C-alpha atoms as a PDB file:
ATOM      1  CA  MET A   1      34.738  23.481 -23.305  1.00  0.00           C
ATOM      2  CA  SER A   2      33.753  20.204 -21.045  1.00  0.00           C
ATOM      3  CA  GLN A   3      31.344  20.521 -18.964  1.00  0.00           C
ATOM      4  CA  SER A   4      31.279  18.711 -15.530  1.00  0.00           C
ATOM      5  CA  PHE A   5      28.138  16.951 -13.945  1.00  0.00           C
ATOM      6  CA  LYS A   6      27.412  16.452 -10.408  1.00  0.00           C
ATOM      7  CA  LEU A   7      25.185  13.518  -8.932  1.00  0.00           C
ATOM      8  CA  LEU A   8      21.783  15.136  -7.751  1.00  0.00           C
ATOM      9  CA  ALA A   9      19.393  12.304  -6.334  1.00  0.00           C
ATOM     10  CA  SER A  10      18.453   8.594  -7.331  1.00  0.00           C
ATOM     11  CA  TYR A  11      15.816   7.034  -7.872  1.00  0.00           C
ATOM     12  CA  ASP A  12      13.924   3.441  -8.192  1.00  0.00           C
ATOM     13  CA  ASN A  13      11.163   4.486 -10.276  1.00  0.00           C
ATOM     14  CA  PRO A  14      11.682   5.437 -13.928  1.00  0.00           C
ATOM     15  CA  VAL A  15       8.459   7.414 -13.453  1.00  0.00           C
ATOM     16  CA  GLU A  16       9.443   9.267 -10.853  1.00  0.00           C
ATOM     17  CA  ALA A  17      12.849   9.789 -12.273  1.00  0.00           C
ATOM     18  CA  ASN A  18      11.899  11.152 -15.170  1.00  0.00           C
ATOM     19  CA  ILE A  19       9.337  13.824 -13.883  1.00  0.00           C
ATOM     20  CA  VAL A  20      11.697  15.131 -11.449  1.00  0.00           C
ATOM     21  CA  LYS A  21      13.685  15.501 -14.857  1.00  0.00           C
ATOM     22  CA  GLY A  22      10.913  17.336 -16.610  1.00  0.00           C
ATOM     23  CA  ARG A  23      10.298  19.416 -13.808  1.00  0.00           C
ATOM     24  CA  LEU A  24      14.156  20.312 -13.733  1.00  0.00           C
ATOM     25  CA  ALA A  25      14.233  20.582 -17.391  1.00  0.00           C
ATOM     26  CA  SER A  26      11.171  23.190 -17.328  1.00  0.00           C
ATOM     27  CA  ALA A  27      13.100  25.533 -15.332  1.00  0.00           C
ATOM     28  CA  GLU A  28      15.875  25.280 -18.243  1.00  0.00           C
ATOM     29  CA  ILE A  29      18.213  23.132 -16.046  1.00  0.00           C
ATOM     30  CA  TYR A  30      20.210  20.946 -18.509  1.00  0.00           C
ATOM     31  CA  CYS A  31      20.057  17.250 -16.433  1.00  0.00           C
ATOM     32  CA  PHE A  32      20.326  13.456 -17.940  1.00  0.00           C
ATOM     33  CA  LEU A  33      19.604  10.398 -16.245  1.00  0.00           C
ATOM     34  CA  ALA A  34      21.889   7.158 -15.959  1.00  0.00           C
ATOM     35  CA  GLY A  35      20.754   4.028 -15.237  1.00  0.00           C
ATOM     36  CA  GLU A  36      17.358   4.458 -16.607  1.00  0.00           C
ATOM     37  CA  ASN A  37      17.747   1.336 -18.871  1.00  0.00           C
ATOM     38  CA  LEU A  38      18.618  -1.222 -16.266  1.00  0.00           C
ATOM     39  CA  ALA A  39      15.222  -0.289 -14.230  1.00  0.00           C
ATOM     40  CA  VAL A  40      13.373  -0.442 -16.997  1.00  0.00           C
ATOM     41  CA  LEU A  41      14.604  -4.043 -18.290  1.00  0.00           C
ATOM     42  CA  HIS A  42      15.209  -5.229 -15.041  1.00  0.00           C
ATOM     43  CA  PRO A  43      13.283  -3.568 -12.523  1.00  0.00           C
ATOM     44  CA  TYR A  44      14.461  -5.459  -9.405  1.00  0.00           C
ATOM     45  CA  TYR A  45      18.260  -5.487  -9.823  1.00  0.00           C
ATOM     46  CA  SER A  46      17.755  -1.737 -10.653  1.00  0.00           C
ATOM     47  CA  ASN A  47      19.631  -0.802  -7.415  1.00  0.00           C
ATOM     48  CA  VAL A  48      22.732  -2.664  -7.812  1.00  0.00           C
ATOM     49  CA  GLY A  49      24.193  -0.075 -10.525  1.00  0.00           C
ATOM     50  CA  GLY A  50      22.933   2.345  -8.361  1.00  0.00           C
ATOM     51  CA  GLY A  51      19.306   3.144  -9.251  1.00  0.00           C
ATOM     52  CA  ILE A  52      18.339   5.485 -11.749  1.00  0.00           C
ATOM     53  CA  ARG A  53      20.566   8.779 -11.554  1.00  0.00           C
ATOM     54  CA  LEU A  54      19.894  12.189 -12.098  1.00  0.00           C
ATOM     55  CA  PHE A  55      23.010  13.935 -13.132  1.00  0.00           C
ATOM     56  CA  VAL A  56      22.884  18.265 -13.463  1.00  0.00           C
ATOM     57  CA  SER A  57      26.024  20.494 -14.408  1.00  0.00           C
ATOM     58  CA  HIS A  58      27.838  22.148 -11.588  1.00  0.00           C
ATOM     59  CA  ARG A  59      26.745  25.378 -12.332  1.00  0.00           C
ATOM     60  CA  ASP A  60      22.949  24.028 -11.688  1.00  0.00           C
ATOM     61  CA  HIS A  61      23.959  22.114  -9.037  1.00  0.00           C
ATOM     62  CA  GLU A  62      22.445  24.941  -6.298  1.00  0.00           C
ATOM     63  CA  MET A  63      19.717  25.363  -8.187  1.00  0.00           C
ATOM     64  CA  ALA A  64      18.074  22.313  -8.978  1.00  0.00           C
ATOM     65  CA  THR A  65      18.427  21.597  -5.136  1.00  0.00           C
ATOM     66  CA  LEU A  66      16.605  24.606  -4.224  1.00  0.00           C
ATOM     67  CA  ILE A  67      13.632  23.454  -6.985  1.00  0.00           C
ATOM     68  CA  LEU A  68      13.631  19.842  -5.024  1.00  0.00           C
ATOM     69  CA  GLN A  69      13.317  21.088  -1.878  1.00  0.00           C
ATOM     70  CA  LYS A  70      10.818  23.534  -2.540  1.00  0.00           C
ATOM     71  CA  ASP A  71       8.669  20.855  -4.275  1.00  0.00           C
ATOM     72  CA  LEU A  72       9.229  18.393  -1.332  1.00  0.00           C
ATOM     73  CA  GLU A  73       8.143  21.242   1.212  1.00  0.00           C
ATOM     74  CA  VAL A  74       5.052  21.271  -0.728  1.00  0.00           C
ATOM     75  CA  TYR A  75       4.431  17.763  -0.611  1.00  0.00           C
ATOM     76  CA  ARG A  76       5.238  17.651   3.113  1.00  0.00           C
ATOM     77  CA  LYS A  77       2.373  19.951   3.452  1.00  0.00           C
ATOM     78  CA  ASN A  78      -0.485  18.419   1.889  1.00  0.00           C
ATOM     79  CA  ILE A  79       0.187  14.685   3.579  1.00  0.00           C
ATOM     80  CA  CYS A  80       0.319  14.273   7.469  1.00  0.00           C
ATOM     81  CA  CYS A  81       0.379  11.819  10.194  1.00  0.00           C
ATOM     82  CA  GLU A  82      -2.816  10.421  11.274  1.00  0.00           C
ATOM     83  CA  VAL A  83      -1.842   9.788  14.921  1.00  0.00           C
ATOM     84  CA  CYS A  84       0.151  13.117  15.817  1.00  0.00           C
ATOM     85  CA  ARG A  85      -0.825  15.284  12.771  1.00  0.00           C
ATOM     86  CA  SER A  86       3.163  16.117  12.169  1.00  0.00           C
ATOM     87  CA  ASN A  87       4.029  17.190   8.432  1.00  0.00           C
ATOM     88  CA  GLN A  88       7.226  14.929   8.436  1.00  0.00           C
ATOM     89  CA  VAL A  89       5.804  11.856   6.928  1.00  0.00           C
ATOM     90  CA  ASN A  90       8.548   9.695   4.654  1.00  0.00           C
ATOM     91  CA  LEU A  91       7.556   6.981   1.773  1.00  0.00           C
ATOM     92  CA  ILE A  92      10.554   4.465   2.328  1.00  0.00           C
ATOM     93  CA  SER A  93      11.010   0.937   1.155  1.00  0.00           C
ATOM     94  CA  THR A  94      10.410  -1.638   3.663  1.00  0.00           C
ATOM     95  CA  ARG A  95      13.720  -3.072   3.167  1.00  0.00           C
ATOM     96  CA  ARG A  96      14.227  -3.813   6.620  1.00  0.00           C
ATOM     97  CA  ASN A  97      11.662  -6.385   6.975  1.00  0.00           C
ATOM     98  CA  THR A  98      12.325 -10.068   7.035  1.00  0.00           C
ATOM     99  CA  LYS A  99      10.428 -11.097   4.179  1.00  0.00           C
ATOM    100  CA  ASN A 100      12.719  -8.984   2.328  1.00  0.00           C
ATOM    101  CA  TRP A 101      15.512 -10.288   3.317  1.00  0.00           C
ATOM    102  CA  ILE A 102      14.437 -13.731   2.592  1.00  0.00           C
ATOM    103  CA  ALA A 103      12.915 -13.308  -0.714  1.00  0.00           C
ATOM    104  CA  PHE A 104      16.684 -12.015  -1.486  1.00  0.00           C
ATOM    105  CA  SER A 105      18.242 -14.842  -0.020  1.00  0.00           C
ATOM    106  CA  ILE A 106      16.025 -16.740  -2.392  1.00  0.00           C
ATOM    107  CA  SER A 107      16.267 -14.655  -5.289  1.00  0.00           C
ATOM    108  CA  LEU A 108      20.337 -14.962  -4.864  1.00  0.00           C
ATOM    109  CA  PHE A 109      20.477 -18.575  -4.281  1.00  0.00           C
ATOM    110  CA  PHE A 110      18.197 -19.293  -7.517  1.00  0.00           C
ATOM    111  CA  GLY A 111      20.242 -16.827  -9.472  1.00  0.00           C
ATOM    112  CA  TYR A 112      23.647 -18.478  -9.099  1.00  0.00           C
ATOM    113  CA  PHE A 113      21.983 -20.881 -11.337  1.00  0.00           C
ATOM    114  CA  SER A 114      20.685 -18.521 -13.675  1.00  0.00           C
ATOM    115  CA  ILE A 115      17.245 -18.759 -12.818  1.00  0.00           C
ATOM    116  CA  PHE A 116      15.347 -15.419 -12.710  1.00  0.00           C
ATOM    117  CA  VAL A 117      13.602 -14.998  -9.839  1.00  0.00           C
ATOM    118  CA  PRO A 118      12.910 -11.630  -8.762  1.00  0.00           C
ATOM    119  CA  PRO A 119      12.922 -10.321  -5.206  1.00  0.00           C
ATOM    120  CA  PHE A 120       8.945 -10.682  -5.037  1.00  0.00           C
ATOM    121  CA  TYR A 121       7.654  -8.790  -1.548  1.00  0.00           C
ATOM    122  CA  ASN A 122       9.101  -5.477  -1.282  1.00  0.00           C
ATOM    123  CA  LYS A 123       6.264  -2.692   0.159  1.00  0.00           C
ATOM    124  CA  LYS A 124       6.475   1.122   0.563  1.00  0.00           C
ATOM    125  CA  MET A 125       5.153   2.591   3.551  1.00  0.00           C
ATOM    126  CA  TYR A 126       4.455   5.580   5.154  1.00  0.00           C
ATOM    127  CA  ILE A 127       6.598   6.721   8.427  1.00  0.00           C
ATOM    128  CA  CYS A 128       6.333   9.268  10.636  1.00  0.00           C
ATOM    129  CA  ASP A 129       9.475  10.952  11.655  1.00  0.00           C
ATOM    130  CA  VAL A 130       8.144  12.227  14.439  1.00  0.00           C
ATOM    131  CA  CYS A 131       5.859   9.882  16.508  1.00  0.00           C
ATOM    132  CA  GLY A 132       7.117   6.578  14.102  1.00  0.00           C
ATOM    133  CA  TYR A 133       4.034   5.805  12.941  1.00  0.00           C
ATOM    134  CA  GLU A 134       3.788   3.623   9.567  1.00  0.00           C
ATOM    135  CA  THR A 135       0.843   2.797   7.250  1.00  0.00           C
ATOM    136  CA  ASP A 136       0.777   2.163   3.823  1.00  0.00           C
ATOM    137  CA  ASN A 137      -2.079   4.248   3.133  1.00  0.00           C
ATOM    138  CA  MET A 138      -2.090   8.124   3.599  1.00  0.00           C
ATOM    139  CA  ASP A 139      -5.017   9.163   1.970  1.00  0.00           C
END
């Protein structure tokens, strides 16, 4: 009998993907990562292939989703916005930043000539969903 798998999550960092995979494996949920080699060998181009994708079996998908939601709740309880004290804070990549688009355009231009130029400006920021406050450090 063949087992079918379903996409649970996608990551851009191999360390984070393996931590989540280990968390699910400790709960005896069979899962595997796809696209990890591309992310390790060419980290700036890993999102072209969809990033590092975490797959779980169809029968374990609900349980794995619950485990990740509980872990996210614990994370959100431990971090709060400096302005409004809300726990609804997310860590995101600042892809909407103009510098990112300029770096991407330069990388594509030089990539056309087979010269590897990584996108040199990619910053992660914490953004509050309630008040919109942005910061790069949440200590």
